[in-house]
Amino acid sequence: MTLKLLLDEHISPDVAIALRRQFRSLDVVGIHETELGGLLDPPLLELLDAETRTLVTRDVNTVPVHVQTRLANGQTHGGVIYVDSRRLRQTDTCGLIRRLADLVEKHGAEDWTCREGWL
């Protein structure tokens, strides 16, 4: 499986646990399981790019700006999956797990470099 995920601070650690249980070969970690918590978006995107790891985030305000800045500067990024809080409430952990599982089944073998998607 090509897709590697980092779940941001606004996503329950239970999501990573459930996805790892469902997809044994999926490399998915919650930011709470790393030392990356609290890191500003630009250096986080830089680290994720180096790891070819895709960010799953509810931050639809600042992350897109930083992604576009990277692209405008000729830099790449590891991919971003935005979670639309209007369609998928913060408290709907099961819904988020289902949506991410569907994405992994359909697009998990694809390269997510410089790619953006919405849930």
PDB file of N, CA and C in Angstrom:
ATOM      1  N   MET A   1       0.853  -1.182   0.000  1.00  0.00           N
ATOM      2  CA  MET A   1       0.000   0.000   0.000  1.00  0.00           C
ATOM      3  C   MET A   1       0.893   1.237   0.000  1.00  0.00           C
ATOM      4  N   THR A   2       0.627   2.175  -0.898  1.00  0.00           N
ATOM      5  CA  THR A   2       1.435   3.375  -1.047  1.00  0.00           C
ATOM      6  C   THR A   2       1.050   4.463  -0.047  1.00  0.00           C
ATOM      7  N   LEU A   3      -0.217   4.624   0.205  1.00  0.00           N
ATOM      8  CA  LEU A   3      -0.715   5.708   1.049  1.00  0.00           C
ATOM      9  C   LEU A   3      -0.228   5.565   2.485  1.00  0.00           C
ATOM     10  N   LYS A   4       0.355   6.651   3.013  1.00  0.00           N
ATOM     11  CA  LYS A   4       0.762   6.727   4.416  1.00  0.00           C
ATOM     12  C   LYS A   4       0.076   7.963   4.986  1.00  0.00           C
ATOM     13  N   LEU A   5      -0.556   7.829   6.134  1.00  0.00           N
ATOM     14  CA  LEU A   5      -1.368   8.908   6.688  1.00  0.00           C
ATOM     15  C   LEU A   5      -0.849   9.411   8.024  1.00  0.00           C
ATOM     16  N   LEU A   6      -0.979  10.734   8.223  1.00  0.00           N
ATOM     17  CA  LEU A   6      -0.824  11.355   9.526  1.00  0.00           C
ATOM     18  C   LEU A   6      -2.131  12.060   9.829  1.00  0.00           C
ATOM     19  N   LEU A   7      -2.769  11.688  10.929  1.00  0.00           N
ATOM     20  CA  LEU A   7      -4.023  12.305  11.345  1.00  0.00           C
ATOM     21  C   LEU A   7      -3.699  13.477  12.256  1.00  0.00           C
ATOM     22  N   ASP A   8      -4.244  14.649  11.961  1.00  0.00           N
ATOM     23  CA  ASP A   8      -3.875  15.840  12.722  1.00  0.00           C
ATOM     24  C   ASP A   8      -4.512  15.887  14.105  1.00  0.00           C
ATOM     25  N   GLU A   9      -4.229  16.965  14.813  1.00  0.00           N
ATOM     26  CA  GLU A   9      -4.619  17.095  16.219  1.00  0.00           C
ATOM     27  C   GLU A   9      -6.117  17.079  16.479  1.00  0.00           C
ATOM     28  N   HIS A  10      -6.911  17.400  15.486  1.00  0.00           N
ATOM     29  CA  HIS A  10      -8.360  17.474  15.669  1.00  0.00           C
ATOM     30  C   HIS A  10      -9.062  16.155  15.366  1.00  0.00           C
ATOM     31  N   ILE A  11      -8.277  15.115  15.158  1.00  0.00           N
ATOM     32  CA  ILE A  11      -8.847  13.815  14.818  1.00  0.00           C
ATOM     33  C   ILE A  11      -8.518  12.825  15.935  1.00  0.00           C
ATOM     34  N   SER A  12      -9.526  12.134  16.395  1.00  0.00           N
ATOM     35  CA  SER A  12      -9.396  11.202  17.509  1.00  0.00           C
ATOM     36  C   SER A  12      -8.355  10.118  17.217  1.00  0.00           C
ATOM     37  N   PRO A  13      -7.531   9.783  18.208  1.00  0.00           N
ATOM     38  CA  PRO A  13      -6.589   8.666  18.043  1.00  0.00           C
ATOM     39  C   PRO A  13      -7.290   7.343  17.723  1.00  0.00           C
ATOM     40  N   ASP A  14      -8.565   7.235  18.072  1.00  0.00           N
ATOM     41  CA  ASP A  14      -9.333   6.025  17.767  1.00  0.00           C
ATOM     42  C   ASP A  14      -9.421   5.765  16.263  1.00  0.00           C
ATOM     43  N   VAL A  15      -9.333   6.822  15.465  1.00  0.00           N
ATOM     44  CA  VAL A  15      -9.411   6.662  14.006  1.00  0.00           C
ATOM     45  C   VAL A  15      -8.201   5.875  13.513  1.00  0.00           C
ATOM     46  N   ALA A  16      -7.010   6.247  13.971  1.00  0.00           N
ATOM     47  CA  ALA A  16      -5.801   5.529  13.558  1.00  0.00           C
ATOM     48  C   ALA A  16      -5.856   4.068  14.010  1.00  0.00           C
ATOM     49  N   ILE A  17      -6.311   3.841  15.223  1.00  0.00           N
ATOM     50  CA  ILE A  17      -6.409   2.478  15.758  1.00  0.00           C
ATOM     51  C   ILE A  17      -7.346   1.632  14.901  1.00  0.00           C
ATOM     52  N   ALA A  18      -8.501   2.199  14.563  1.00  0.00           N
ATOM     53  CA  ALA A  18      -9.492   1.463  13.759  1.00  0.00           C
ATOM     54  C   ALA A  18      -8.965   1.181  12.352  1.00  0.00           C
ATOM     55  N   LEU A  19      -8.302   2.156  11.747  1.00  0.00           N
ATOM     56  CA  LEU A  19      -7.776   1.948  10.390  1.00  0.00           C
ATOM     57  C   LEU A  19      -6.663   0.907  10.376  1.00  0.00           C
ATOM     58  N   ARG A  20      -5.811   0.917  11.389  1.00  0.00           N
ATOM     59  CA  ARG A  20      -4.743  -0.092  11.462  1.00  0.00           C
ATOM     60  C   ARG A  20      -5.339  -1.490  11.647  1.00  0.00           C
ATOM     61  N   ARG A  21      -6.415  -1.572  12.393  1.00  0.00           N
ATOM     62  CA  ARG A  21      -7.081  -2.862  12.615  1.00  0.00           C
ATOM     63  C   ARG A  21      -7.694  -3.372  11.299  1.00  0.00           C
ATOM     64  N   GLN A  22      -8.268  -2.451  10.531  1.00  0.00           N
ATOM     65  CA  GLN A  22      -8.944  -2.834   9.296  1.00  0.00           C
ATOM     66  C   GLN A  22      -7.979  -3.074   8.141  1.00  0.00           C
ATOM     67  N   PHE A  23      -6.883  -2.305   8.101  1.00  0.00           N
ATOM     68  CA  PHE A  23      -5.909  -2.402   7.007  1.00  0.00           C
ATOM     69  C   PHE A  23      -4.528  -2.645   7.612  1.00  0.00           C
ATOM     70  N   ARG A  24      -4.159  -3.888   7.740  1.00  0.00           N
ATOM     71  CA  ARG A  24      -2.893  -4.251   8.403  1.00  0.00           C
ATOM     72  C   ARG A  24      -1.680  -3.621   7.720  1.00  0.00           C
ATOM     73  N   SER A  25      -1.733  -3.421   6.410  1.00  0.00           N
ATOM     74  CA  SER A  25      -0.575  -2.878   5.693  1.00  0.00           C
ATOM     75  C   SER A  25      -0.582  -1.348   5.604  1.00  0.00           C
ATOM     76  N   LEU A  26      -1.616  -0.701   6.131  1.00  0.00           N
ATOM     77  CA  LEU A  26      -1.698   0.759   6.063  1.00  0.00           C
ATOM     78  C   LEU A  26      -0.813   1.384   7.139  1.00  0.00           C
ATOM     79  N   ASP A  27       0.025   2.309   6.713  1.00  0.00           N
ATOM     80  CA  ASP A  27       0.879   3.064   7.626  1.00  0.00           C
ATOM     81  C   ASP A  27       0.104   4.327   8.020  1.00  0.00           C
ATOM     82  N   VAL A  28      -0.510   4.305   9.193  1.00  0.00           N
ATOM     83  CA  VAL A  28      -1.306   5.440   9.665  1.00  0.00           C
ATOM     84  C   VAL A  28      -0.952   5.716  11.121  1.00  0.00           C
ATOM     85  N   VAL A  29      -0.664   6.986  11.409  1.00  0.00           N
ATOM     86  CA  VAL A  29      -0.385   7.402  12.785  1.00  0.00           C
ATOM     87  C   VAL A  29      -1.156   8.678  13.075  1.00  0.00           C
ATOM     88  N   GLY A  30      -1.538   8.807  14.328  1.00  0.00           N
ATOM     89  CA  GLY A  30      -2.118  10.048  14.791  1.00  0.00           C
ATOM     90  C   GLY A  30      -0.995  10.959  15.256  1.00  0.00           C
ATOM     91  N   ILE A  31      -1.161  12.237  15.092  1.00  0.00           N
ATOM     92  CA  ILE A  31      -0.115  13.175  15.487  1.00  0.00           C
ATOM     93  C   ILE A  31       0.189  13.057  16.977  1.00  0.00           C
ATOM     94  N   HIS A  32      -0.803  12.603  17.762  1.00  0.00           N
ATOM     95  CA  HIS A  32      -0.609  12.423  19.197  1.00  0.00           C
ATOM     96  C   HIS A  32       0.351  11.277  19.507  1.00  0.00           C
ATOM     97  N   GLU A  33       0.582  10.399  18.528  1.00  0.00           N
ATOM     98  CA  GLU A  33       1.507   9.281  18.697  1.00  0.00           C
ATOM     99  C   GLU A  33       2.933   9.671  18.313  1.00  0.00           C
ATOM    100  N   THR A  34       3.123  10.904  17.892  1.00  0.00           N
ATOM    101  CA  THR A  34       4.425  11.376  17.430  1.00  0.00           C
ATOM    102  C   THR A  34       4.865  12.572  18.277  1.00  0.00           C
ATOM    103  N   GLU A  35       5.998  13.121  17.923  1.00  0.00           N
ATOM    104  CA  GLU A  35       6.483  14.337  18.568  1.00  0.00           C
ATOM    105  C   GLU A  35       6.163  15.565  17.718  1.00  0.00           C
ATOM    106  N   LEU A  36       5.260  15.428  16.776  1.00  0.00           N
ATOM    107  CA  LEU A  36       4.937  16.513  15.840  1.00  0.00           C
ATOM    108  C   LEU A  36       3.810  17.416  16.327  1.00  0.00           C
ATOM    109  N   GLY A  37       3.150  17.054  17.404  1.00  0.00           N
ATOM    110  CA  GLY A  37       2.051  17.857  17.924  1.00  0.00           C
ATOM    111  C   GLY A  37       2.492  19.280  18.216  1.00  0.00           C
ATOM    112  N   GLY A  38       1.684  20.245  17.812  1.00  0.00           N
ATOM    113  CA  GLY A  38       1.989  21.647  18.045  1.00  0.00           C
ATOM    114  C   GLY A  38       2.896  22.274  17.007  1.00  0.00           C
ATOM    115  N   LEU A  39       3.414  21.479  16.096  1.00  0.00           N
ATOM    116  CA  LEU A  39       4.279  22.008  15.036  1.00  0.00           C
ATOM    117  C   LEU A  39       3.446  22.866  14.088  1.00  0.00           C
ATOM    118  N   LEU A  40       3.983  23.998  13.683  1.00  0.00           N
ATOM    119  CA  LEU A  40       3.281  24.863  12.742  1.00  0.00           C
ATOM    120  C   LEU A  40       3.134  24.168  11.391  1.00  0.00           C
ATOM    121  N   ASP A  41       2.155  24.610  10.609  1.00  0.00           N
ATOM    122  CA  ASP A  41       1.855  23.949   9.335  1.00  0.00           C
ATOM    123  C   ASP A  41       3.032  23.883   8.363  1.00  0.00           C
ATOM    124  N   PRO A  42       3.764  24.984   8.100  1.00  0.00           N
ATOM    125  CA  PRO A  42       4.852  24.891   7.109  1.00  0.00           C
ATOM    126  C   PRO A  42       5.907  23.833   7.431  1.00  0.00           C
ATOM    127  N   PRO A  43       6.454  23.785   8.667  1.00  0.00           N
ATOM    128  CA  PRO A  43       7.433  22.723   8.921  1.00  0.00           C
ATOM    129  C   PRO A  43       6.804  21.323   8.948  1.00  0.00           C
ATOM    130  N   LEU A  44       5.541  21.230   9.353  1.00  0.00           N
ATOM    131  CA  LEU A  44       4.864  19.941   9.325  1.00  0.00           C
ATOM    132  C   LEU A  44       4.730  19.445   7.887  1.00  0.00           C
ATOM    133  N   LEU A  45       4.305  20.309   6.991  1.00  0.00           N
ATOM    134  CA  LEU A  45       4.180  19.922   5.578  1.00  0.00           C
ATOM    135  C   LEU A  45       5.531  19.539   4.992  1.00  0.00           C
ATOM    136  N   GLU A  46       6.591  20.211   5.414  1.00  0.00           N
ATOM    137  CA  GLU A  46       7.949  19.885   4.951  1.00  0.00           C
ATOM    138  C   GLU A  46       8.336  18.469   5.392  1.00  0.00           C
ATOM    139  N   LEU A  47       8.100  18.152   6.658  1.00  0.00           N
ATOM    140  CA  LEU A  47       8.418  16.812   7.171  1.00  0.00           C
ATOM    141  C   LEU A  47       7.585  15.732   6.491  1.00  0.00           C
ATOM    142  N   LEU A  48       6.307  16.012   6.311  1.00  0.00           N
ATOM    143  CA  LEU A  48       5.433  15.028   5.669  1.00  0.00           C
ATOM    144  C   LEU A  48       5.828  14.815   4.213  1.00  0.00           C
ATOM    145  N   ASP A  49       6.271  15.869   3.544  1.00  0.00           N
ATOM    146  CA  ASP A  49       6.742  15.739   2.172  1.00  0.00           C
ATOM    147  C   ASP A  49       7.954  14.817   2.116  1.00  0.00           C
ATOM    148  N   ALA A  50       8.884  15.005   3.050  1.00  0.00           N
ATOM    149  CA  ALA A  50      10.088  14.169   3.081  1.00  0.00           C
ATOM    150  C   ALA A  50       9.741  12.699   3.321  1.00  0.00           C
ATOM    151  N   GLU A  51       8.679  12.448   4.060  1.00  0.00           N
ATOM    152  CA  GLU A  51       8.238  11.075   4.355  1.00  0.00           C
ATOM    153  C   GLU A  51       7.238  10.547   3.331  1.00  0.00           C
ATOM    154  N   THR A  52       6.864  11.373   2.364  1.00  0.00           N
ATOM    155  CA  THR A  52       5.754  11.082   1.435  1.00  0.00           C
ATOM    156  C   THR A  52       4.530  10.584   2.211  1.00  0.00           C
ATOM    157  N   ARG A  53       4.191  11.336   3.254  1.00  0.00           N
ATOM    158  CA  ARG A  53       3.058  11.004   4.124  1.00  0.00           C
ATOM    159  C   ARG A  53       1.967  12.051   3.919  1.00  0.00           C
ATOM    160  N   THR A  54       0.738  11.594   3.796  1.00  0.00           N
ATOM    161  CA  THR A  54      -0.418  12.443   3.537  1.00  0.00           C
ATOM    162  C   THR A  54      -1.062  12.888   4.842  1.00  0.00           C
ATOM    163  N   LEU A  55      -1.344  14.166   4.940  1.00  0.00           N
ATOM    164  CA  LEU A  55      -1.976  14.744   6.115  1.00  0.00           C
ATOM    165  C   LEU A  55      -3.488  14.639   5.994  1.00  0.00           C
ATOM    166  N   VAL A  56      -4.137  14.162   7.041  1.00  0.00           N
ATOM    167  CA  VAL A  56      -5.594  14.181   7.134  1.00  0.00           C
ATOM    168  C   VAL A  56      -5.933  15.259   8.154  1.00  0.00           C
ATOM    169  N   THR A  57      -6.673  16.289   7.726  1.00  0.00           N
ATOM    170  CA  THR A  57      -6.892  17.443   8.588  1.00  0.00           C
ATOM    171  C   THR A  57      -8.286  18.031   8.433  1.00  0.00           C
ATOM    172  N   ARG A  58      -8.734  18.653   9.505  1.00  0.00           N
ATOM    173  CA  ARG A  58      -9.971  19.436   9.473  1.00  0.00           C
ATOM    174  C   ARG A  58      -9.664  20.914   9.257  1.00  0.00           C
ATOM    175  N   ASP A  59      -8.383  21.268   9.209  1.00  0.00           N
ATOM    176  CA  ASP A  59      -7.968  22.660   9.041  1.00  0.00           C
ATOM    177  C   ASP A  59      -8.072  23.045   7.568  1.00  0.00           C
ATOM    178  N   VAL A  60      -9.240  23.519   7.196  1.00  0.00           N
ATOM    179  CA  VAL A  60      -9.481  23.885   5.800  1.00  0.00           C
ATOM    180  C   VAL A  60      -9.231  25.373   5.565  1.00  0.00           C
ATOM    181  N   ASN A  61      -8.743  26.075   6.587  1.00  0.00           N
ATOM    182  CA  ASN A  61      -8.476  27.501   6.456  1.00  0.00           C
ATOM    183  C   ASN A  61      -7.009  27.803   6.183  1.00  0.00           C
ATOM    184  N   THR A  62      -6.100  27.262   6.996  1.00  0.00           N
ATOM    185  CA  THR A  62      -4.691  27.618   6.823  1.00  0.00           C
ATOM    186  C   THR A  62      -3.888  26.595   6.033  1.00  0.00           C
ATOM    187  N   VAL A  63      -4.186  25.317   6.173  1.00  0.00           N
ATOM    188  CA  VAL A  63      -3.403  24.309   5.455  1.00  0.00           C
ATOM    189  C   VAL A  63      -3.447  24.529   3.940  1.00  0.00           C
ATOM    190  N   PRO A  64      -4.614  24.802   3.326  1.00  0.00           N
ATOM    191  CA  PRO A  64      -4.610  25.031   1.877  1.00  0.00           C
ATOM    192  C   PRO A  64      -3.713  26.202   1.452  1.00  0.00           C
ATOM    193  N   VAL A  65      -3.646  27.223   2.271  1.00  0.00           N
ATOM    194  CA  VAL A  65      -2.786  28.376   1.957  1.00  0.00           C
ATOM    195  C   VAL A  65      -1.324  27.938   1.943  1.00  0.00           C
ATOM    196  N   HIS A  66      -0.926  27.166   2.953  1.00  0.00           N
ATOM    197  CA  HIS A  66       0.465  26.712   3.021  1.00  0.00           C
ATOM    198  C   HIS A  66       0.791  25.719   1.905  1.00  0.00           C
ATOM    199  N   VAL A  67      -0.168  24.891   1.537  1.00  0.00           N
ATOM    200  CA  VAL A  67       0.030  23.952   0.427  1.00  0.00           C
ATOM    201  C   VAL A  67       0.243  24.735  -0.869  1.00  0.00           C
ATOM    202  N   GLN A  68      -0.593  25.735  -1.108  1.00  0.00           N
ATOM    203  CA  GLN A  68      -0.453  26.534  -2.330  1.00  0.00           C
ATOM    204  C   GLN A  68       0.865  27.309  -2.353  1.00  0.00           C
ATOM    205  N   THR A  69       1.300  27.782  -1.197  1.00  0.00           N
ATOM    206  CA  THR A  69       2.595  28.472  -1.115  1.00  0.00           C
ATOM    207  C   THR A  69       3.724  27.528  -1.487  1.00  0.00           C
ATOM    208  N   ARG A  70       3.679  26.301  -0.982  1.00  0.00           N
ATOM    209  CA  ARG A  70       4.709  25.319  -1.335  1.00  0.00           C
ATOM    210  C   ARG A  70       4.739  25.088  -2.846  1.00  0.00           C
ATOM    211  N   LEU A  71       3.573  24.910  -3.431  1.00  0.00           N
ATOM    212  CA  LEU A  71       3.508  24.648  -4.864  1.00  0.00           C
ATOM    213  C   LEU A  71       4.007  25.850  -5.666  1.00  0.00           C
ATOM    214  N   ALA A  72       3.625  27.051  -5.237  1.00  0.00           N
ATOM    215  CA  ALA A  72       4.060  28.276  -5.918  1.00  0.00           C
ATOM    216  C   ALA A  72       5.572  28.446  -5.847  1.00  0.00           C
ATOM    217  N   ASN A  73       6.189  27.909  -4.790  1.00  0.00           N
ATOM    218  CA  ASN A  73       7.644  27.995  -4.624  1.00  0.00           C
ATOM    219  C   ASN A  73       8.372  26.813  -5.263  1.00  0.00           C
ATOM    220  N   GLY A  74       7.642  26.009  -6.009  1.00  0.00           N
ATOM    221  CA  GLY A  74       8.248  24.865  -6.681  1.00  0.00           C
ATOM    222  C   GLY A  74       8.503  23.683  -5.773  1.00  0.00           C
ATOM    223  N   GLN A  75       7.876  23.670  -4.605  1.00  0.00           N
ATOM    224  CA  GLN A  75       8.029  22.565  -3.659  1.00  0.00           C
ATOM    225  C   GLN A  75       6.847  21.614  -3.790  1.00  0.00           C
ATOM    226  N   THR A  76       7.056  20.397  -3.361  1.00  0.00           N
ATOM    227  CA  THR A  76       5.987  19.404  -3.375  1.00  0.00           C
ATOM    228  C   THR A  76       5.423  19.259  -1.959  1.00  0.00           C
ATOM    229  N   HIS A  77       4.419  18.437  -1.828  1.00  0.00           N
ATOM    230  CA  HIS A  77       3.888  18.076  -0.514  1.00  0.00           C
ATOM    231  C   HIS A  77       3.420  16.635  -0.573  1.00  0.00           C
ATOM    232  N   GLY A  78       3.264  16.025   0.590  1.00  0.00           N
ATOM    233  CA  GLY A  78       2.927  14.606   0.650  1.00  0.00           C
ATOM    234  C   GLY A  78       1.467  14.277   0.416  1.00  0.00           C
ATOM    235  N   GLY A  79       0.669  15.296   0.156  1.00  0.00           N
ATOM    236  CA  GLY A  79      -0.761  15.107  -0.051  1.00  0.00           C
ATOM    237  C   GLY A  79      -1.547  15.544   1.171  1.00  0.00           C
ATOM    238  N   VAL A  80      -2.773  15.966   0.924  1.00  0.00           N
ATOM    239  CA  VAL A  80      -3.649  16.399   2.012  1.00  0.00           C
ATOM    240  C   VAL A  80      -5.056  15.883   1.747  1.00  0.00           C
ATOM    241  N   ILE A  81      -5.660  15.334   2.787  1.00  0.00           N
ATOM    242  CA  ILE A  81      -7.062  14.937   2.744  1.00  0.00           C
ATOM    243  C   ILE A  81      -7.783  15.821   3.749  1.00  0.00           C
ATOM    244  N   TYR A  82      -8.673  16.662   3.238  1.00  0.00           N
ATOM    245  CA  TYR A  82      -9.416  17.586   4.084  1.00  0.00           C
ATOM    246  C   TYR A  82     -10.722  16.934   4.532  1.00  0.00           C
ATOM    247  N   VAL A  83     -11.048  17.123   5.792  1.00  0.00           N
ATOM    248  CA  VAL A  83     -12.305  16.621   6.340  1.00  0.00           C
ATOM    249  C   VAL A  83     -13.243  17.816   6.473  1.00  0.00           C
ATOM    250  N   ASP A  84     -14.316  17.804   5.719  1.00  0.00           N
ATOM    251  CA  ASP A  84     -15.293  18.890   5.723  1.00  0.00           C
ATOM    252  C   ASP A  84     -16.196  18.745   6.950  1.00  0.00           C
ATOM    253  N   SER A  85     -16.029  19.650   7.907  1.00  0.00           N
ATOM    254  CA  SER A  85     -16.791  19.571   9.161  1.00  0.00           C
ATOM    255  C   SER A  85     -18.280  19.819   8.967  1.00  0.00           C
ATOM    256  N   ARG A  86     -18.670  20.409   7.846  1.00  0.00           N
ATOM    257  CA  ARG A  86     -20.103  20.583   7.583  1.00  0.00           C
ATOM    258  C   ARG A  86     -20.752  19.269   7.184  1.00  0.00           C
ATOM    259  N   ARG A  87     -19.990  18.416   6.527  1.00  0.00           N
ATOM    260  CA  ARG A  87     -20.525  17.117   6.106  1.00  0.00           C
ATOM    261  C   ARG A  87     -20.218  16.005   7.104  1.00  0.00           C
ATOM    262  N   LEU A  88     -19.163  16.198   7.887  1.00  0.00           N
ATOM    263  CA  LEU A  88     -18.720  15.161   8.804  1.00  0.00           C
ATOM    264  C   LEU A  88     -18.331  15.831  10.120  1.00  0.00           C
ATOM    265  N   ARG A  89     -19.273  15.817  11.059  1.00  0.00           N
ATOM    266  CA  ARG A  89     -19.054  16.516  12.329  1.00  0.00           C
ATOM    267  C   ARG A  89     -17.869  15.957  13.099  1.00  0.00           C
ATOM    268  N   GLN A  90     -17.267  16.800  13.907  1.00  0.00           N
ATOM    269  CA  GLN A  90     -16.106  16.434  14.709  1.00  0.00           C
ATOM    270  C   GLN A  90     -16.403  15.242  15.621  1.00  0.00           C
ATOM    271  N   THR A  91     -17.622  15.130  16.080  1.00  0.00           N
ATOM    272  CA  THR A  91     -17.999  14.042  16.984  1.00  0.00           C
ATOM    273  C   THR A  91     -18.314  12.734  16.263  1.00  0.00           C
ATOM    274  N   ASP A  92     -18.359  12.757  14.933  1.00  0.00           N
ATOM    275  CA  ASP A  92     -18.712  11.564  14.157  1.00  0.00           C
ATOM    276  C   ASP A  92     -17.465  10.745  13.816  1.00  0.00           C
ATOM    277  N   THR A  93     -16.878  10.149  14.833  1.00  0.00           N
ATOM    278  CA  THR A  93     -15.658   9.356  14.648  1.00  0.00           C
ATOM    279  C   THR A  93     -15.918   8.150  13.746  1.00  0.00           C
ATOM    280  N   CYS A  94     -17.036   7.481  13.951  1.00  0.00           N
ATOM    281  CA  CYS A  94     -17.366   6.309  13.119  1.00  0.00           C
ATOM    282  C   CYS A  94     -17.530   6.701  11.654  1.00  0.00           C
ATOM    283  N   GLY A  95     -18.163   7.831  11.419  1.00  0.00           N
ATOM    284  CA  GLY A  95     -18.332   8.313  10.042  1.00  0.00           C
ATOM    285  C   GLY A  95     -16.989   8.616   9.393  1.00  0.00           C
ATOM    286  N   LEU A  96     -16.082   9.221  10.146  1.00  0.00           N
ATOM    287  CA  LEU A  96     -14.755   9.524   9.615  1.00  0.00           C
ATOM    288  C   LEU A  96     -13.995   8.240   9.312  1.00  0.00           C
ATOM    289  N   ILE A  97     -14.092   7.266  10.189  1.00  0.00           N
ATOM    290  CA  ILE A  97     -13.435   5.983   9.946  1.00  0.00           C
ATOM    291  C   ILE A  97     -13.972   5.340   8.673  1.00  0.00           C
ATOM    292  N   ARG A  98     -15.297   5.350   8.508  1.00  0.00           N
ATOM    293  CA  ARG A  98     -15.904   4.767   7.292  1.00  0.00           C
ATOM    294  C   ARG A  98     -15.428   5.490   6.036  1.00  0.00           C
ATOM    295  N   ARG A  99     -15.416   6.822   6.077  1.00  0.00           N
ATOM    296  CA  ARG A  99     -15.002   7.596   4.890  1.00  0.00           C
ATOM    297  C   ARG A  99     -13.533   7.355   4.551  1.00  0.00           C
ATOM    298  N   LEU A 100     -12.675   7.336   5.581  1.00  0.00           N
ATOM    299  CA  LEU A 100     -11.258   7.087   5.326  1.00  0.00           C
ATOM    300  C   LEU A 100     -11.030   5.655   4.841  1.00  0.00           C
ATOM    301  N   ALA A 101     -11.753   4.701   5.401  1.00  0.00           N
ATOM    302  CA  ALA A 101     -11.629   3.311   4.958  1.00  0.00           C
ATOM    303  C   ALA A 101     -12.024   3.181   3.488  1.00  0.00           C
ATOM    304  N   ASP A 102     -13.074   3.870   3.100  1.00  0.00           N
ATOM    305  CA  ASP A 102     -13.504   3.861   1.703  1.00  0.00           C
ATOM    306  C   ASP A 102     -12.421   4.467   0.807  1.00  0.00           C
ATOM    307  N   LEU A 103     -11.831   5.566   1.255  1.00  0.00           N
ATOM    308  CA  LEU A 103     -10.763   6.204   0.481  1.00  0.00           C
ATOM    309  C   LEU A 103      -9.560   5.272   0.350  1.00  0.00           C
ATOM    310  N   VAL A 104      -9.198   4.615   1.435  1.00  0.00           N
ATOM    311  CA  VAL A 104      -8.057   3.691   1.408  1.00  0.00           C
ATOM    312  C   VAL A 104      -8.333   2.536   0.445  1.00  0.00           C
ATOM    313  N   GLU A 105      -9.542   1.988   0.478  1.00  0.00           N
ATOM    314  CA  GLU A 105      -9.881   0.895  -0.426  1.00  0.00           C
ATOM    315  C   GLU A 105      -9.813   1.324  -1.889  1.00  0.00           C
ATOM    316  N   LYS A 106     -10.287   2.523  -2.185  1.00  0.00           N
ATOM    317  CA  LYS A 106     -10.345   2.990  -3.573  1.00  0.00           C
ATOM    318  C   LYS A 106      -9.032   3.599  -4.064  1.00  0.00           C
ATOM    319  N   HIS A 107      -8.287   4.270  -3.169  1.00  0.00           N
ATOM    320  CA  HIS A 107      -7.131   5.055  -3.617  1.00  0.00           C
ATOM    321  C   HIS A 107      -5.852   4.792  -2.823  1.00  0.00           C
ATOM    322  N   GLY A 108      -5.855   3.768  -1.976  1.00  0.00           N
ATOM    323  CA  GLY A 108      -4.705   3.504  -1.120  1.00  0.00           C
ATOM    324  C   GLY A 108      -3.437   3.107  -1.851  1.00  0.00           C
ATOM    325  N   ALA A 109      -3.560   2.564  -3.035  1.00  0.00           N
ATOM    326  CA  ALA A 109      -2.377   2.136  -3.794  1.00  0.00           C
ATOM    327  C   ALA A 109      -1.825   3.251  -4.682  1.00  0.00           C
ATOM    328  N   GLU A 110      -2.484   4.394  -4.673  1.00  0.00           N
ATOM    329  CA  GLU A 110      -2.071   5.503  -5.544  1.00  0.00           C
ATOM    330  C   GLU A 110      -1.056   6.406  -4.852  1.00  0.00           C
ATOM    331  N   ASP A 111      -0.302   7.119  -5.669  1.00  0.00           N
ATOM    332  CA  ASP A 111       0.653   8.106  -5.160  1.00  0.00           C
ATOM    333  C   ASP A 111      -0.107   9.383  -4.809  1.00  0.00           C
ATOM    334  N   TRP A 112       0.051   9.860  -3.572  1.00  0.00           N
ATOM    335  CA  TRP A 112      -0.658  11.052  -3.114  1.00  0.00           C
ATOM    336  C   TRP A 112       0.210  12.302  -3.112  1.00  0.00           C
ATOM    337  N   THR A 113       1.405  12.226  -3.658  1.00  0.00           N
ATOM    338  CA  THR A 113       2.275  13.398  -3.717  1.00  0.00           C
ATOM    339  C   THR A 113       1.570  14.528  -4.476  1.00  0.00           C
ATOM    340  N   CYS A 114       1.517  15.696  -3.846  1.00  0.00           N
ATOM    341  CA  CYS A 114       0.906  16.905  -4.421  1.00  0.00           C
ATOM    342  C   CYS A 114      -0.579  16.733  -4.747  1.00  0.00           C
ATOM    343  N   ARG A 115      -1.217  15.820  -4.090  1.00  0.00           N
ATOM    344  CA  ARG A 115      -2.637  15.545  -4.344  1.00  0.00           C
ATOM    345  C   ARG A 115      -3.455  16.020  -3.148  1.00  0.00           C
ATOM    346  N   GLU A 116      -4.645  16.504  -3.416  1.00  0.00           N
ATOM    347  CA  GLU A 116      -5.551  16.930  -2.360  1.00  0.00           C
ATOM    348  C   GLU A 116      -6.910  16.283  -2.609  1.00  0.00           C
ATOM    349  N   GLY A 117      -7.580  15.921  -1.505  1.00  0.00           N
ATOM    350  CA  GLY A 117      -8.899  15.317  -1.607  1.00  0.00           C
ATOM    351  C   GLY A 117      -9.752  15.762  -0.445  1.00  0.00           C
ATOM    352  N   TRP A 118     -11.045  15.516  -0.568  1.00  0.00           N
ATOM    353  CA  TRP A 118     -12.022  15.920   0.459  1.00  0.00           C
ATOM    354  C   TRP A 118     -12.848  14.738   0.906  1.00  0.00           C
ATOM    355  N   LEU A 119     -13.162  14.734   2.186  1.00  0.00           N
ATOM    356  CA  LEU A 119     -14.096  13.755   2.737  1.00  0.00           C
ATOM    357  C   LEU A 119     -15.359  14.483   3.143  1.00  0.00           C
TER     358      LEU A 119
END
